[in-house]
Amino acid sequence: MLFVIRCLDKKDHLSVRQENRPAHVEYLKSFGEKLFSAGALLDEDEKMCGSVVILDLEDKSEAEAFAAEDPYGKAGLFESTTIDRWNRVLP
């Protein structure tokens, strides 16, 4: 089942995002075909301010484990994280 993991960065933490980006990208790649989509949220100035990751996982506990081990999360980047099941309809 698909899960959307939406994370919002703490204010003034762009440097934390940039410093941990290579480890975060490698972490995402380690999920192979389970990774449906991923990308940064952008603020009005086109600066990264959060993340959205969609993964095909067995259950919510697996999504929670993903979030807990994300290098961004471990670095204290996120103000908040939400995890929701997602039903792809289109296309």
C-alpha atoms as a PDB file:
ATOM      1  CA  MET A   1       0.000   0.000   0.000  1.00  0.00           C
ATOM      2  CA  LEU A   2       1.135   3.537  -0.693  1.00  0.00           C
ATOM      3  CA  PHE A   3       2.046   5.972   2.062  1.00  0.00           C
ATOM      4  CA  VAL A   4       2.686   9.701   1.761  1.00  0.00           C
ATOM      5  CA  ILE A   5       5.258  10.985   4.212  1.00  0.00           C
ATOM      6  CA  ARG A   6       5.109  14.785   4.410  1.00  0.00           C
ATOM      7  CA  CYS A   7       7.732  16.637   6.405  1.00  0.00           C
ATOM      8  CA  LEU A   8       8.004  20.367   7.055  1.00  0.00           C
ATOM      9  CA  ASP A   9      11.387  21.864   7.875  1.00  0.00           C
ATOM     10  CA  LYS A  10      12.110  23.933  10.949  1.00  0.00           C
ATOM     11  CA  LYS A  11      12.498  27.618  10.192  1.00  0.00           C
ATOM     12  CA  ASP A  12      16.024  28.689   9.196  1.00  0.00           C
ATOM     13  CA  HIS A  13      17.249  25.093   8.805  1.00  0.00           C
ATOM     14  CA  LEU A  14      18.134  25.173   5.091  1.00  0.00           C
ATOM     15  CA  SER A  15      21.792  24.582   5.955  1.00  0.00           C
ATOM     16  CA  VAL A  16      20.823  21.388   7.839  1.00  0.00           C
ATOM     17  CA  ARG A  17      18.928  20.231   4.729  1.00  0.00           C
ATOM     18  CA  GLN A  18      21.868  20.972   2.437  1.00  0.00           C
ATOM     19  CA  GLU A  19      24.430  19.293   4.705  1.00  0.00           C
ATOM     20  CA  ASN A  20      22.387  16.088   4.970  1.00  0.00           C
ATOM     21  CA  ARG A  21      21.020  15.942   1.416  1.00  0.00           C
ATOM     22  CA  PRO A  22      23.554  13.412   0.021  1.00  0.00           C
ATOM     23  CA  ALA A  23      22.818  10.946   2.849  1.00  0.00           C
ATOM     24  CA  HIS A  24      19.062  11.519   2.453  1.00  0.00           C
ATOM     25  CA  VAL A  25      19.196  10.854  -1.308  1.00  0.00           C
ATOM     26  CA  GLU A  26      21.199   7.656  -0.782  1.00  0.00           C
ATOM     27  CA  TYR A  27      18.688   6.562   1.860  1.00  0.00           C
ATOM     28  CA  LEU A  28      15.827   7.111  -0.589  1.00  0.00           C
ATOM     29  CA  LYS A  29      17.650   5.155  -3.308  1.00  0.00           C
ATOM     30  CA  SER A  30      18.085   2.228  -0.916  1.00  0.00           C
ATOM     31  CA  PHE A  31      14.316   1.622  -1.106  1.00  0.00           C
ATOM     32  CA  GLY A  32      14.545   0.704  -4.789  1.00  0.00           C
ATOM     33  CA  GLU A  33      11.185  -0.137  -6.338  1.00  0.00           C
ATOM     34  CA  LYS A  34       9.367   0.634  -3.075  1.00  0.00           C
ATOM     35  CA  LEU A  35      10.048   4.328  -3.749  1.00  0.00           C
ATOM     36  CA  PHE A  36       7.096   5.635  -5.762  1.00  0.00           C
ATOM     37  CA  SER A  37       8.065   9.330  -5.766  1.00  0.00           C
ATOM     38  CA  ALA A  38      10.026  11.875  -3.737  1.00  0.00           C
ATOM     39  CA  GLY A  39      10.787  15.562  -3.829  1.00  0.00           C
ATOM     40  CA  ALA A  40      11.222  18.789  -1.930  1.00  0.00           C
ATOM     41  CA  LEU A  41       8.475  21.214  -1.016  1.00  0.00           C
ATOM     42  CA  LEU A  42       9.246  24.794  -2.041  1.00  0.00           C
ATOM     43  CA  ASP A  43       8.326  28.066  -0.357  1.00  0.00           C
ATOM     44  CA  GLU A  44       7.262  31.243  -2.166  1.00  0.00           C
ATOM     45  CA  ASP A  45      10.928  32.089  -2.819  1.00  0.00           C
ATOM     46  CA  GLU A  46      11.516  28.654  -4.435  1.00  0.00           C
ATOM     47  CA  LYS A  47      13.665  27.542  -1.463  1.00  0.00           C
ATOM     48  CA  MET A  48      13.318  24.001  -0.143  1.00  0.00           C
ATOM     49  CA  CYS A  49      11.164  23.936   2.988  1.00  0.00           C
ATOM     50  CA  GLY A  50      10.063  20.312   3.360  1.00  0.00           C
ATOM     51  CA  SER A  51       9.810  16.898   1.753  1.00  0.00           C
ATOM     52  CA  VAL A  52       7.200  14.580   0.305  1.00  0.00           C
ATOM     53  CA  VAL A  53       8.001  10.907  -0.108  1.00  0.00           C
ATOM     54  CA  ILE A  54       5.585   8.284  -1.420  1.00  0.00           C
ATOM     55  CA  LEU A  55       6.517   4.681  -0.670  1.00  0.00           C
ATOM     56  CA  ASP A  56       4.877   1.337  -1.372  1.00  0.00           C
ATOM     57  CA  LEU A  57       5.132  -0.423   1.998  1.00  0.00           C
ATOM     58  CA  GLU A  58       3.433  -3.232   3.899  1.00  0.00           C
ATOM     59  CA  ASP A  59       1.963  -1.129   6.702  1.00  0.00           C
ATOM     60  CA  LYS A  60       2.151   2.151   8.596  1.00  0.00           C
ATOM     61  CA  SER A  61       4.773   0.840  11.011  1.00  0.00           C
ATOM     62  CA  GLU A  62       7.126   0.374   8.057  1.00  0.00           C
ATOM     63  CA  ALA A  63       6.449   3.996   7.003  1.00  0.00           C
ATOM     64  CA  GLU A  64       7.123   5.157  10.559  1.00  0.00           C
ATOM     65  CA  ALA A  65      10.407   3.234  10.553  1.00  0.00           C
ATOM     66  CA  PHE A  66      11.350   4.910   7.259  1.00  0.00           C
ATOM     67  CA  ALA A  67      10.712   8.345   8.773  1.00  0.00           C
ATOM     68  CA  ALA A  68      12.632   7.514  11.950  1.00  0.00           C
ATOM     69  CA  GLU A  69      15.729   6.449  10.000  1.00  0.00           C
ATOM     70  CA  ASP A  70      15.704   9.260   7.421  1.00  0.00           C
ATOM     71  CA  PRO A  71      18.982  11.203   7.737  1.00  0.00           C
ATOM     72  CA  TYR A  72      17.029  14.471   7.575  1.00  0.00           C
ATOM     73  CA  GLY A  73      14.935  13.446  10.540  1.00  0.00           C
ATOM     74  CA  LYS A  74      17.950  12.217  12.468  1.00  0.00           C
ATOM     75  CA  ALA A  75      19.633  15.602  11.879  1.00  0.00           C
ATOM     76  CA  GLY A  76      16.676  17.409  13.461  1.00  0.00           C
ATOM     77  CA  LEU A  77      15.552  19.102  10.239  1.00  0.00           C
ATOM     78  CA  PHE A  78      11.819  18.596  10.558  1.00  0.00           C
ATOM     79  CA  GLU A  79       9.301  20.650  12.488  1.00  0.00           C
ATOM     80  CA  SER A  80       6.576  18.110  11.741  1.00  0.00           C
ATOM     81  CA  THR A  81       6.027  14.817   9.958  1.00  0.00           C
ATOM     82  CA  THR A  82       2.746  13.256   8.863  1.00  0.00           C
ATOM     83  CA  ILE A  83       2.164   9.806   7.403  1.00  0.00           C
ATOM     84  CA  ASP A  84      -1.002   9.001   5.475  1.00  0.00           C
ATOM     85  CA  ARG A  85      -2.192   6.134   3.313  1.00  0.00           C
ATOM     86  CA  TRP A  86      -2.662   7.201  -0.261  1.00  0.00           C
ATOM     87  CA  ASN A  87      -4.934   5.812  -2.951  1.00  0.00           C
ATOM     88  CA  ARG A  88      -3.566   6.571  -6.399  1.00  0.00           C
ATOM     89  CA  VAL A  89      -6.446   7.191  -8.780  1.00  0.00           C
ATOM     90  CA  LEU A  90      -4.974   9.003 -11.807  1.00  0.00           C
ATOM     91  CA  PRO A  91      -3.245   8.656 -14.159  1.00  0.00           C
END
